[in-house]
Amino acid sequence: MHVLSLPTWIIHTSSVVEWITAMVLIWRYAALTQNRAWRWFTLAMFPALVSAMSACTWHLFDNAKTLEWLVTLQAATTVLGNCTLCAAAWLLWKGAPRSNAL
């Protein structure tokens, strides 16, 4: 675990915890509002979580050569997560009430 400094580890782990917390809170918000689009948004966040956990795992094991596939997994899930979050945001936007104020 010596590859990253302690402050960097704190930032990495707190970001993962924050992301999981956001997913739980958004899922609860979906239940409260009965808006299924928010549930899709939570599910769309999952690839980004996998990406973050892949990066943390690779660093945890000192960037081991045997775990280099985690770098590929992290890159792929980042792209997938960007696409799923874009689609989920569009779904939320499409279902949002419109105002004729403009």
PDB file of N, CA and C in Angstrom:
ATOM      1  N   MET A   1       0.825  -1.189   0.000  1.00  0.00           N
ATOM      2  CA  MET A   1       0.000   0.000   0.000  1.00  0.00           C
ATOM      3  C   MET A   1       0.870   1.253   0.000  1.00  0.00           C
ATOM      4  N   HIS A   2       2.128   1.114  -0.238  1.00  0.00           N
ATOM      5  CA  HIS A   2       3.041   2.254  -0.163  1.00  0.00           C
ATOM      6  C   HIS A   2       3.072   3.096  -1.436  1.00  0.00           C
ATOM      7  N   VAL A   3       2.421   2.658  -2.514  1.00  0.00           N
ATOM      8  CA  VAL A   3       2.482   3.387  -3.778  1.00  0.00           C
ATOM      9  C   VAL A   3       1.786   4.741  -3.667  1.00  0.00           C
ATOM     10  N   LEU A   4       0.669   4.796  -2.976  1.00  0.00           N
ATOM     11  CA  LEU A   4      -0.059   6.052  -2.800  1.00  0.00           C
ATOM     12  C   LEU A   4       0.156   6.587  -1.387  1.00  0.00           C
ATOM     13  N   SER A   5       0.180   7.890  -1.256  1.00  0.00           N
ATOM     14  CA  SER A   5       0.336   8.499   0.070  1.00  0.00           C
ATOM     15  C   SER A   5      -0.959   8.346   0.868  1.00  0.00           C
ATOM     16  N   LEU A   6      -0.853   8.516   2.169  1.00  0.00           N
ATOM     17  CA  LEU A   6      -2.028   8.404   3.033  1.00  0.00           C
ATOM     18  C   LEU A   6      -3.123   9.400   2.640  1.00  0.00           C
ATOM     19  N   PRO A   7      -2.807  10.672   2.393  1.00  0.00           N
ATOM     20  CA  PRO A   7      -3.872  11.595   1.968  1.00  0.00           C
ATOM     21  C   PRO A   7      -4.552  11.156   0.661  1.00  0.00           C
ATOM     22  N   THR A   8      -3.778  10.586  -0.248  1.00  0.00           N
ATOM     23  CA  THR A   8      -4.361  10.109  -1.505  1.00  0.00           C
ATOM     24  C   THR A   8      -5.289   8.930  -1.249  1.00  0.00           C
ATOM     25  N   TRP A   9      -4.883   8.027  -0.340  1.00  0.00           N
ATOM     26  CA  TRP A   9      -5.753   6.909   0.028  1.00  0.00           C
ATOM     27  C   TRP A   9      -7.042   7.409   0.670  1.00  0.00           C
ATOM     28  N   ILE A  10      -6.928   8.407   1.506  1.00  0.00           N
ATOM     29  CA  ILE A  10      -8.122   8.963   2.157  1.00  0.00           C
ATOM     30  C   ILE A  10      -9.078   9.518   1.108  1.00  0.00           C
ATOM     31  N   ILE A  11      -8.541  10.229   0.137  1.00  0.00           N
ATOM     32  CA  ILE A  11      -9.381  10.785  -0.929  1.00  0.00           C
ATOM     33  C   ILE A  11     -10.023   9.665  -1.746  1.00  0.00           C
ATOM     34  N   HIS A  12      -9.239   8.655  -2.106  1.00  0.00           N
ATOM     35  CA  HIS A  12      -9.770   7.546  -2.906  1.00  0.00           C
ATOM     36  C   HIS A  12     -10.887   6.812  -2.164  1.00  0.00           C
ATOM     37  N   THR A  13     -10.624   6.424  -0.937  1.00  0.00           N
ATOM     38  CA  THR A  13     -11.624   5.646  -0.198  1.00  0.00           C
ATOM     39  C   THR A  13     -12.849   6.482   0.156  1.00  0.00           C
ATOM     40  N   SER A  14     -12.652   7.731   0.511  1.00  0.00           N
ATOM     41  CA  SER A  14     -13.817   8.564   0.832  1.00  0.00           C
ATOM     42  C   SER A  14     -14.660   8.828  -0.414  1.00  0.00           C
ATOM     43  N   SER A  15     -14.031   8.883  -1.574  1.00  0.00           N
ATOM     44  CA  SER A  15     -14.789   9.059  -2.818  1.00  0.00           C
ATOM     45  C   SER A  15     -15.658   7.838  -3.105  1.00  0.00           C
ATOM     46  N   VAL A  16     -15.119   6.648  -2.868  1.00  0.00           N
ATOM     47  CA  VAL A  16     -15.900   5.426  -3.067  1.00  0.00           C
ATOM     48  C   VAL A  16     -17.059   5.378  -2.076  1.00  0.00           C
ATOM     49  N   VAL A  17     -16.791   5.691  -0.819  1.00  0.00           N
ATOM     50  CA  VAL A  17     -17.850   5.710   0.196  1.00  0.00           C
ATOM     51  C   VAL A  17     -18.911   6.749  -0.165  1.00  0.00           C
ATOM     52  N   GLU A  18     -18.473   7.911  -0.618  1.00  0.00           N
ATOM     53  CA  GLU A  18     -19.403   8.972  -1.012  1.00  0.00           C
ATOM     54  C   GLU A  18     -20.272   8.516  -2.190  1.00  0.00           C
ATOM     55  N   TRP A  19     -19.689   7.827  -3.152  1.00  0.00           N
ATOM     56  CA  TRP A  19     -20.426   7.358  -4.318  1.00  0.00           C
ATOM     57  C   TRP A  19     -21.482   6.331  -3.908  1.00  0.00           C
ATOM     58  N   ILE A  20     -21.102   5.405  -3.016  1.00  0.00           N
ATOM     59  CA  ILE A  20     -22.056   4.402  -2.523  1.00  0.00           C
ATOM     60  C   ILE A  20     -23.184   5.089  -1.760  1.00  0.00           C
ATOM     61  N   THR A  21     -22.842   6.056  -0.926  1.00  0.00           N
ATOM     62  CA  THR A  21     -23.849   6.805  -0.168  1.00  0.00           C
ATOM     63  C   THR A  21     -24.808   7.517  -1.115  1.00  0.00           C
ATOM     64  N   ALA A  22     -24.274   8.129  -2.151  1.00  0.00           N
ATOM     65  CA  ALA A  22     -25.121   8.811  -3.139  1.00  0.00           C
ATOM     66  C   ALA A  22     -26.068   7.822  -3.811  1.00  0.00           C
ATOM     67  N   MET A  23     -25.567   6.647  -4.131  1.00  0.00           N
ATOM     68  CA  MET A  23     -26.417   5.635  -4.760  1.00  0.00           C
ATOM     69  C   MET A  23     -27.564   5.225  -3.842  1.00  0.00           C
ATOM     70  N   VAL A  24     -27.262   5.022  -2.572  1.00  0.00           N
ATOM     71  CA  VAL A  24     -28.299   4.643  -1.602  1.00  0.00           C
ATOM     72  C   VAL A  24     -29.325   5.762  -1.453  1.00  0.00           C
ATOM     73  N   LEU A  25     -28.861   6.993  -1.326  1.00  0.00           N
ATOM     74  CA  LEU A  25     -29.777   8.121  -1.145  1.00  0.00           C
ATOM     75  C   LEU A  25     -30.648   8.349  -2.381  1.00  0.00           C
ATOM     76  N   ILE A  26     -30.076   8.211  -3.560  1.00  0.00           N
ATOM     77  CA  ILE A  26     -30.868   8.384  -4.780  1.00  0.00           C
ATOM     78  C   ILE A  26     -31.896   7.263  -4.910  1.00  0.00           C
ATOM     79  N   TRP A  27     -31.519   6.054  -4.532  1.00  0.00           N
ATOM     80  CA  TRP A  27     -32.466   4.928  -4.562  1.00  0.00           C
ATOM     81  C   TRP A  27     -33.638   5.206  -3.617  1.00  0.00           C
ATOM     82  N   ARG A  28     -33.338   5.714  -2.440  1.00  0.00           N
ATOM     83  CA  ARG A  28     -34.403   6.061  -1.485  1.00  0.00           C
ATOM     84  C   ARG A  28     -35.272   7.195  -2.020  1.00  0.00           C
ATOM     85  N   TYR A  29     -34.649   8.174  -2.666  1.00  0.00           N
ATOM     86  CA  TYR A  29     -35.401   9.281  -3.264  1.00  0.00           C
ATOM     87  C   TYR A  29     -36.353   8.758  -4.341  1.00  0.00           C
ATOM     88  N   ALA A  30     -35.900   7.782  -5.105  1.00  0.00           N
ATOM     89  CA  ALA A  30     -36.752   7.171  -6.129  1.00  0.00           C
ATOM     90  C   ALA A  30     -37.980   6.530  -5.499  1.00  0.00           C
ATOM     91  N   ALA A  31     -37.779   5.860  -4.369  1.00  0.00           N
ATOM     92  CA  ALA A  31     -38.904   5.235  -3.674  1.00  0.00           C
ATOM     93  C   ALA A  31     -39.859   6.287  -3.116  1.00  0.00           C
ATOM     94  N   LEU A  32     -39.296   7.347  -2.571  1.00  0.00           N
ATOM     95  CA  LEU A  32     -40.124   8.428  -2.009  1.00  0.00           C
ATOM     96  C   LEU A  32     -40.973   9.120  -3.067  1.00  0.00           C
ATOM     97  N   THR A  33     -40.376   9.398  -4.211  1.00  0.00           N
ATOM     98  CA  THR A  33     -41.069  10.147  -5.262  1.00  0.00           C
ATOM     99  C   THR A  33     -41.824   9.242  -6.225  1.00  0.00           C
ATOM    100  N   GLN A  34     -41.629   7.945  -6.105  1.00  0.00           N
ATOM    101  CA  GLN A  34     -42.217   6.972  -7.032  1.00  0.00           C
ATOM    102  C   GLN A  34     -41.803   7.254  -8.478  1.00  0.00           C
ATOM    103  N   ASN A  35     -40.610   7.801  -8.644  1.00  0.00           N
ATOM    104  CA  ASN A  35     -40.075   8.106  -9.970  1.00  0.00           C
ATOM    105  C   ASN A  35     -39.024   7.058 -10.316  1.00  0.00           C
ATOM    106  N   ARG A  36     -39.392   6.144 -11.194  1.00  0.00           N
ATOM    107  CA  ARG A  36     -38.498   5.031 -11.535  1.00  0.00           C
ATOM    108  C   ARG A  36     -37.242   5.483 -12.276  1.00  0.00           C
ATOM    109  N   ALA A  37     -37.286   6.654 -12.875  1.00  0.00           N
ATOM    110  CA  ALA A  37     -36.105   7.161 -13.583  1.00  0.00           C
ATOM    111  C   ALA A  37     -34.932   7.330 -12.623  1.00  0.00           C
ATOM    112  N   TRP A  38     -35.227   7.664 -11.364  1.00  0.00           N
ATOM    113  CA  TRP A  38     -34.147   7.806 -10.378  1.00  0.00           C
ATOM    114  C   TRP A  38     -33.536   6.448 -10.039  1.00  0.00           C
ATOM    115  N   ARG A  39     -34.330   5.390 -10.088  1.00  0.00           N
ATOM    116  CA  ARG A  39     -33.766   4.048  -9.868  1.00  0.00           C
ATOM    117  C   ARG A  39     -32.819   3.689 -11.000  1.00  0.00           C
ATOM    118  N   TRP A  40     -33.212   4.028 -12.231  1.00  0.00           N
ATOM    119  CA  TRP A  40     -32.332   3.793 -13.370  1.00  0.00           C
ATOM    120  C   TRP A  40     -31.050   4.594 -13.221  1.00  0.00           C
ATOM    121  N   PHE A  41     -31.176   5.808 -12.687  1.00  0.00           N
ATOM    122  CA  PHE A  41     -29.990   6.636 -12.478  1.00  0.00           C
ATOM    123  C   PHE A  41     -29.036   5.954 -11.494  1.00  0.00           C
ATOM    124  N   THR A  42     -29.583   5.390 -10.425  1.00  0.00           N
ATOM    125  CA  THR A  42     -28.761   4.679  -9.442  1.00  0.00           C
ATOM    126  C   THR A  42     -28.048   3.496 -10.091  1.00  0.00           C
ATOM    127  N   LEU A  43     -28.782   2.731 -10.880  1.00  0.00           N
ATOM    128  CA  LEU A  43     -28.163   1.593 -11.563  1.00  0.00           C
ATOM    129  C   LEU A  43     -27.102   2.056 -12.558  1.00  0.00           C
ATOM    130  N   ALA A  44     -27.335   3.203 -13.176  1.00  0.00           N
ATOM    131  CA  ALA A  44     -26.362   3.757 -14.128  1.00  0.00           C
ATOM    132  C   ALA A  44     -25.078   4.185 -13.440  1.00  0.00           C
ATOM    133  N   MET A  45     -25.128   4.422 -12.142  1.00  0.00           N
ATOM    134  CA  MET A  45     -23.944   4.812 -11.380  1.00  0.00           C
ATOM    135  C   MET A  45     -23.026   3.619 -11.085  1.00  0.00           C
ATOM    136  N   PHE A  46     -23.553   2.416 -11.211  1.00  0.00           N
ATOM    137  CA  PHE A  46     -22.807   1.218 -10.827  1.00  0.00           C
ATOM    138  C   PHE A  46     -21.497   1.027 -11.609  1.00  0.00           C
ATOM    139  N   PRO A  47     -21.479   1.186 -12.943  1.00  0.00           N
ATOM    140  CA  PRO A  47     -20.196   1.016 -13.644  1.00  0.00           C
ATOM    141  C   PRO A  47     -19.099   1.967 -13.151  1.00  0.00           C
ATOM    142  N   ALA A  48     -19.465   3.186 -12.805  1.00  0.00           N
ATOM    143  CA  ALA A  48     -18.469   4.132 -12.285  1.00  0.00           C
ATOM    144  C   ALA A  48     -17.937   3.661 -10.928  1.00  0.00           C
ATOM    145  N   LEU A  49     -18.796   3.038 -10.137  1.00  0.00           N
ATOM    146  CA  LEU A  49     -18.357   2.481  -8.854  1.00  0.00           C
ATOM    147  C   LEU A  49     -17.375   1.331  -9.085  1.00  0.00           C
ATOM    148  N   VAL A  50     -17.688   0.467 -10.030  1.00  0.00           N
ATOM    149  CA  VAL A  50     -16.775  -0.632 -10.369  1.00  0.00           C
ATOM    150  C   VAL A  50     -15.434  -0.071 -10.836  1.00  0.00           C
ATOM    151  N   SER A  51     -15.477   0.986 -11.621  1.00  0.00           N
ATOM    152  CA  SER A  51     -14.253   1.637 -12.089  1.00  0.00           C
ATOM    153  C   SER A  51     -13.405   2.127 -10.920  1.00  0.00           C
ATOM    154  N   ALA A  52     -14.029   2.814  -9.996  1.00  0.00           N
ATOM    155  CA  ALA A  52     -13.302   3.346  -8.835  1.00  0.00           C
ATOM    156  C   ALA A  52     -12.725   2.226  -7.976  1.00  0.00           C
ATOM    157  N   MET A  53     -13.513   1.182  -7.770  1.00  0.00           N
ATOM    158  CA  MET A  53     -13.039   0.071  -6.948  1.00  0.00           C
ATOM    159  C   MET A  53     -11.909  -0.691  -7.644  1.00  0.00           C
ATOM    160  N   SER A  54     -11.949  -0.754  -8.964  1.00  0.00           N
ATOM    161  CA  SER A  54     -10.858  -1.392  -9.712  1.00  0.00           C
ATOM    162  C   SER A  54      -9.555  -0.632  -9.514  1.00  0.00           C
ATOM    163  N   ALA A  55      -9.633   0.680  -9.618  1.00  0.00           N
ATOM    164  CA  ALA A  55      -8.431   1.506  -9.435  1.00  0.00           C
ATOM    165  C   ALA A  55      -7.883   1.360  -8.019  1.00  0.00           C
ATOM    166  N   CYS A  56      -8.761   1.404  -7.039  1.00  0.00           N
ATOM    167  CA  CYS A  56      -8.315   1.269  -5.640  1.00  0.00           C
ATOM    168  C   CYS A  56      -7.692  -0.100  -5.392  1.00  0.00           C
ATOM    169  N   THR A  57      -8.304  -1.143  -5.946  1.00  0.00           N
ATOM    170  CA  THR A  57      -7.776  -2.496  -5.757  1.00  0.00           C
ATOM    171  C   THR A  57      -6.389  -2.627  -6.377  1.00  0.00           C
ATOM    172  N   TRP A  58      -6.227  -2.095  -7.568  1.00  0.00           N
ATOM    173  CA  TRP A  58      -4.926  -2.174  -8.235  1.00  0.00           C
ATOM    174  C   TRP A  58      -3.856  -1.461  -7.418  1.00  0.00           C
ATOM    175  N   HIS A  59      -4.175  -0.298  -6.892  1.00  0.00           N
ATOM    176  CA  HIS A  59      -3.212   0.433  -6.060  1.00  0.00           C
ATOM    177  C   HIS A  59      -2.967  -0.273  -4.724  1.00  0.00           C
ATOM    178  N   LEU A  60      -4.002  -0.886  -4.183  1.00  0.00           N
ATOM    179  CA  LEU A  60      -3.864  -1.599  -2.910  1.00  0.00           C
ATOM    180  C   LEU A  60      -2.800  -2.691  -3.015  1.00  0.00           C
ATOM    181  N   PHE A  61      -2.743  -3.337  -4.163  1.00  0.00           N
ATOM    182  CA  PHE A  61      -1.759  -4.400  -4.372  1.00  0.00           C
ATOM    183  C   PHE A  61      -0.516  -3.884  -5.099  1.00  0.00           C
ATOM    184  N   ASP A  62      -0.184  -2.622  -4.844  1.00  0.00           N
ATOM    185  CA  ASP A  62       1.050  -2.008  -5.351  1.00  0.00           C
ATOM    186  C   ASP A  62       1.215  -2.127  -6.865  1.00  0.00           C
ATOM    187  N   ASN A  63       0.130  -1.940  -7.583  1.00  0.00           N
ATOM    188  CA  ASN A  63       0.159  -1.943  -9.050  1.00  0.00           C
ATOM    189  C   ASN A  63       0.798  -3.220  -9.608  1.00  0.00           C
ATOM    190  N   ALA A  64       0.409  -4.341  -9.025  1.00  0.00           N
ATOM    191  CA  ALA A  64       0.993  -5.634  -9.414  1.00  0.00           C
ATOM    192  C   ALA A  64       0.758  -5.927 -10.894  1.00  0.00           C
ATOM    193  N   LYS A  65       1.787  -6.441 -11.551  1.00  0.00           N
ATOM    194  CA  LYS A  65       1.693  -6.788 -12.978  1.00  0.00           C
ATOM    195  C   LYS A  65       0.582  -7.801 -13.231  1.00  0.00           C
ATOM    196  N   THR A  66       0.386  -8.714 -12.285  1.00  0.00           N
ATOM    197  CA  THR A  66      -0.641  -9.743 -12.466  1.00  0.00           C
ATOM    198  C   THR A  66      -2.052  -9.159 -12.429  1.00  0.00           C
ATOM    199  N   LEU A  67      -2.180  -7.953 -11.933  1.00  0.00           N
ATOM    200  CA  LEU A  67      -3.496  -7.307 -11.853  1.00  0.00           C
ATOM    201  C   LEU A  67      -3.661  -6.179 -12.871  1.00  0.00           C
ATOM    202  N   GLU A  68      -2.805  -6.160 -13.889  1.00  0.00           N
ATOM    203  CA  GLU A  68      -2.907  -5.098 -14.894  1.00  0.00           C
ATOM    204  C   GLU A  68      -4.241  -5.105 -15.626  1.00  0.00           C
ATOM    205  N   TRP A  69      -4.917  -6.253 -15.652  1.00  0.00           N
ATOM    206  CA  TRP A  69      -6.231  -6.326 -16.281  1.00  0.00           C
ATOM    207  C   TRP A  69      -7.219  -5.395 -15.587  1.00  0.00           C
ATOM    208  N   LEU A  70      -6.952  -5.045 -14.328  1.00  0.00           N
ATOM    209  CA  LEU A  70      -7.820  -4.101 -13.621  1.00  0.00           C
ATOM    210  C   LEU A  70      -7.782  -2.717 -14.267  1.00  0.00           C
ATOM    211  N   VAL A  71      -6.664  -2.364 -14.868  1.00  0.00           N
ATOM    212  CA  VAL A  71      -6.553  -1.074 -15.554  1.00  0.00           C
ATOM    213  C   VAL A  71      -7.494  -1.059 -16.758  1.00  0.00           C
ATOM    214  N   THR A  72      -7.523  -2.168 -17.491  1.00  0.00           N
ATOM    215  CA  THR A  72      -8.431  -2.283 -18.635  1.00  0.00           C
ATOM    216  C   THR A  72      -9.880  -2.280 -18.169  1.00  0.00           C
ATOM    217  N   LEU A  73     -10.152  -3.011 -17.093  1.00  0.00           N
ATOM    218  CA  LEU A  73     -11.507  -3.022 -16.533  1.00  0.00           C
ATOM    219  C   LEU A  73     -11.919  -1.624 -16.094  1.00  0.00           C
ATOM    220  N   GLN A  74     -11.008  -0.925 -15.461  1.00  0.00           N
ATOM    221  CA  GLN A  74     -11.298   0.430 -14.992  1.00  0.00           C
ATOM    222  C   GLN A  74     -11.602   1.358 -16.161  1.00  0.00           C
ATOM    223  N   ALA A  75     -10.827   1.265 -17.214  1.00  0.00           N
ATOM    224  CA  ALA A  75     -11.056   2.110 -18.393  1.00  0.00           C
ATOM    225  C   ALA A  75     -12.394   1.776 -19.054  1.00  0.00           C
ATOM    226  N   ALA A  76     -12.673   0.494 -19.202  1.00  0.00           N
ATOM    227  CA  ALA A  76     -13.922   0.073 -19.846  1.00  0.00           C
ATOM    228  C   ALA A  76     -15.143   0.480 -19.030  1.00  0.00           C
ATOM    229  N   THR A  77     -15.070   0.299 -17.719  1.00  0.00           N
ATOM    230  CA  THR A  77     -16.228   0.661 -16.895  1.00  0.00           C
ATOM    231  C   THR A  77     -16.377   2.174 -16.764  1.00  0.00           C
ATOM    232  N   THR A  78     -15.294   2.911 -16.932  1.00  0.00           N
ATOM    233  CA  THR A  78     -15.408   4.372 -16.966  1.00  0.00           C
ATOM    234  C   THR A  78     -16.199   4.802 -18.197  1.00  0.00           C
ATOM    235  N   VAL A  79     -15.850   4.246 -19.359  1.00  0.00           N
ATOM    236  CA  VAL A  79     -16.579   4.574 -20.591  1.00  0.00           C
ATOM    237  C   VAL A  79     -18.035   4.132 -20.477  1.00  0.00           C
ATOM    238  N   LEU A  80     -18.242   2.904 -20.009  1.00  0.00           N
ATOM    239  CA  LEU A  80     -19.603   2.398 -19.844  1.00  0.00           C
ATOM    240  C   LEU A  80     -20.388   3.274 -18.870  1.00  0.00           C
ATOM    241  N   GLY A  81     -19.757   3.637 -17.758  1.00  0.00           N
ATOM    242  CA  GLY A  81     -20.419   4.483 -16.764  1.00  0.00           C
ATOM    243  C   GLY A  81     -20.775   5.852 -17.306  1.00  0.00           C
ATOM    244  N   ASN A  82     -19.889   6.435 -18.101  1.00  0.00           N
ATOM    245  CA  ASN A  82     -20.202   7.726 -18.715  1.00  0.00           C
ATOM    246  C   ASN A  82     -21.420   7.610 -19.623  1.00  0.00           C
ATOM    247  N   CYS A  83     -21.494   6.523 -20.385  1.00  0.00           N
ATOM    248  CA  CYS A  83     -22.630   6.320 -21.291  1.00  0.00           C
ATOM    249  C   CYS A  83     -23.924   6.051 -20.527  1.00  0.00           C
ATOM    250  N   THR A  84     -23.851   5.203 -19.497  1.00  0.00           N
ATOM    251  CA  THR A  84     -25.073   4.891 -18.746  1.00  0.00           C
ATOM    252  C   THR A  84     -25.568   6.102 -17.962  1.00  0.00           C
ATOM    253  N   LEU A  85     -24.658   6.888 -17.412  1.00  0.00           N
ATOM    254  CA  LEU A  85     -25.080   8.099 -16.695  1.00  0.00           C
ATOM    255  C   LEU A  85     -25.657   9.135 -17.650  1.00  0.00           C
ATOM    256  N   CYS A  86     -25.115   9.223 -18.839  1.00  0.00           N
ATOM    257  CA  CYS A  86     -25.667  10.131 -19.849  1.00  0.00           C
ATOM    258  C   CYS A  86     -27.092   9.706 -20.205  1.00  0.00           C
ATOM    259  N   ALA A  87     -27.294   8.414 -20.432  1.00  0.00           N
ATOM    260  CA  ALA A  87     -28.626   7.907 -20.766  1.00  0.00           C
ATOM    261  C   ALA A  87     -29.601   8.113 -19.608  1.00  0.00           C
ATOM    262  N   ALA A  88     -29.149   7.871 -18.390  1.00  0.00           N
ATOM    263  CA  ALA A  88     -30.021   8.044 -17.222  1.00  0.00           C
ATOM    264  C   ALA A  88     -30.379   9.509 -17.012  1.00  0.00           C
ATOM    265  N   ALA A  89     -29.423  10.398 -17.234  1.00  0.00           N
ATOM    266  CA  ALA A  89     -29.701  11.835 -17.116  1.00  0.00           C
ATOM    267  C   ALA A  89     -30.700  12.270 -18.179  1.00  0.00           C
ATOM    268  N   TRP A  90     -30.569  11.725 -19.381  1.00  0.00           N
ATOM    269  CA  TRP A  90     -31.524  12.036 -20.450  1.00  0.00           C
ATOM    270  C   TRP A  90     -32.915  11.554 -20.072  1.00  0.00           C
ATOM    271  N   LEU A  91     -32.993  10.356 -19.488  1.00  0.00           N
ATOM    272  CA  LEU A  91     -34.280   9.809 -19.050  1.00  0.00           C
ATOM    273  C   LEU A  91     -34.923  10.711 -17.999  1.00  0.00           C
ATOM    274  N   LEU A  92     -34.126  11.210 -17.072  1.00  0.00           N
ATOM    275  CA  LEU A  92     -34.645  12.146 -16.065  1.00  0.00           C
ATOM    276  C   LEU A  92     -35.096  13.450 -16.712  1.00  0.00           C
ATOM    277  N   TRP A  93     -34.294  13.962 -17.637  1.00  0.00           N
ATOM    278  CA  TRP A  93     -34.628  15.214 -18.317  1.00  0.00           C
ATOM    279  C   TRP A  93     -35.911  15.068 -19.132  1.00  0.00           C
ATOM    280  N   LYS A  94     -36.035  13.933 -19.820  1.00  0.00           N
ATOM    281  CA  LYS A  94     -37.206  13.677 -20.655  1.00  0.00           C
ATOM    282  C   LYS A  94     -38.484  13.623 -19.818  1.00  0.00           C
ATOM    283  N   GLY A  95     -38.384  13.089 -18.619  1.00  0.00           N
ATOM    284  CA  GLY A  95     -39.552  12.950 -17.758  1.00  0.00           C
ATOM    285  C   GLY A  95     -39.818  14.147 -16.863  1.00  0.00           C
ATOM    286  N   ALA A  96     -38.946  15.154 -16.903  1.00  0.00           N
ATOM    287  CA  ALA A  96     -39.112  16.326 -16.027  1.00  0.00           C
ATOM    288  C   ALA A  96     -40.250  17.203 -16.533  1.00  0.00           C
ATOM    289  N   PRO A  97     -41.006  17.789 -15.595  1.00  0.00           N
ATOM    290  CA  PRO A  97     -42.073  18.711 -16.013  1.00  0.00           C
ATOM    291  C   PRO A  97     -41.477  19.926 -16.716  1.00  0.00           C
ATOM    292  N   ARG A  98     -42.161  20.384 -17.750  1.00  0.00           N
ATOM    293  CA  ARG A  98     -41.683  21.520 -18.532  1.00  0.00           C
ATOM    294  C   ARG A  98     -42.388  22.805 -18.117  1.00  0.00           C
ATOM    295  N   SER A  99     -41.635  23.883 -18.183  1.00  0.00           N
ATOM    296  CA  SER A  99     -42.171  25.212 -17.891  1.00  0.00           C
ATOM    297  C   SER A  99     -42.137  26.033 -19.177  1.00  0.00           C
ATOM    298  N   ASN A 100     -43.167  26.825 -19.413  1.00  0.00           N
ATOM    299  CA  ASN A 100     -43.223  27.688 -20.596  1.00  0.00           C
ATOM    300  C   ASN A 100     -42.723  29.084 -20.279  1.00  0.00           C
ATOM    301  N   ALA A 101     -41.865  29.213 -19.283  1.00  0.00           N
ATOM    302  CA  ALA A 101     -41.384  30.519 -18.830  1.00  0.00           C
ATOM    303  C   ALA A 101     -40.442  31.169 -19.832  1.00  0.00           C
ATOM    304  N   LEU A 102     -39.831  30.382 -20.693  1.00  0.00           N
ATOM    305  CA  LEU A 102     -38.896  30.947 -21.664  1.00  0.00           C
ATOM    306  C   LEU A 102     -39.690  31.599 -22.723  1.00  0.00           C
TER     307      LEU A 102
END
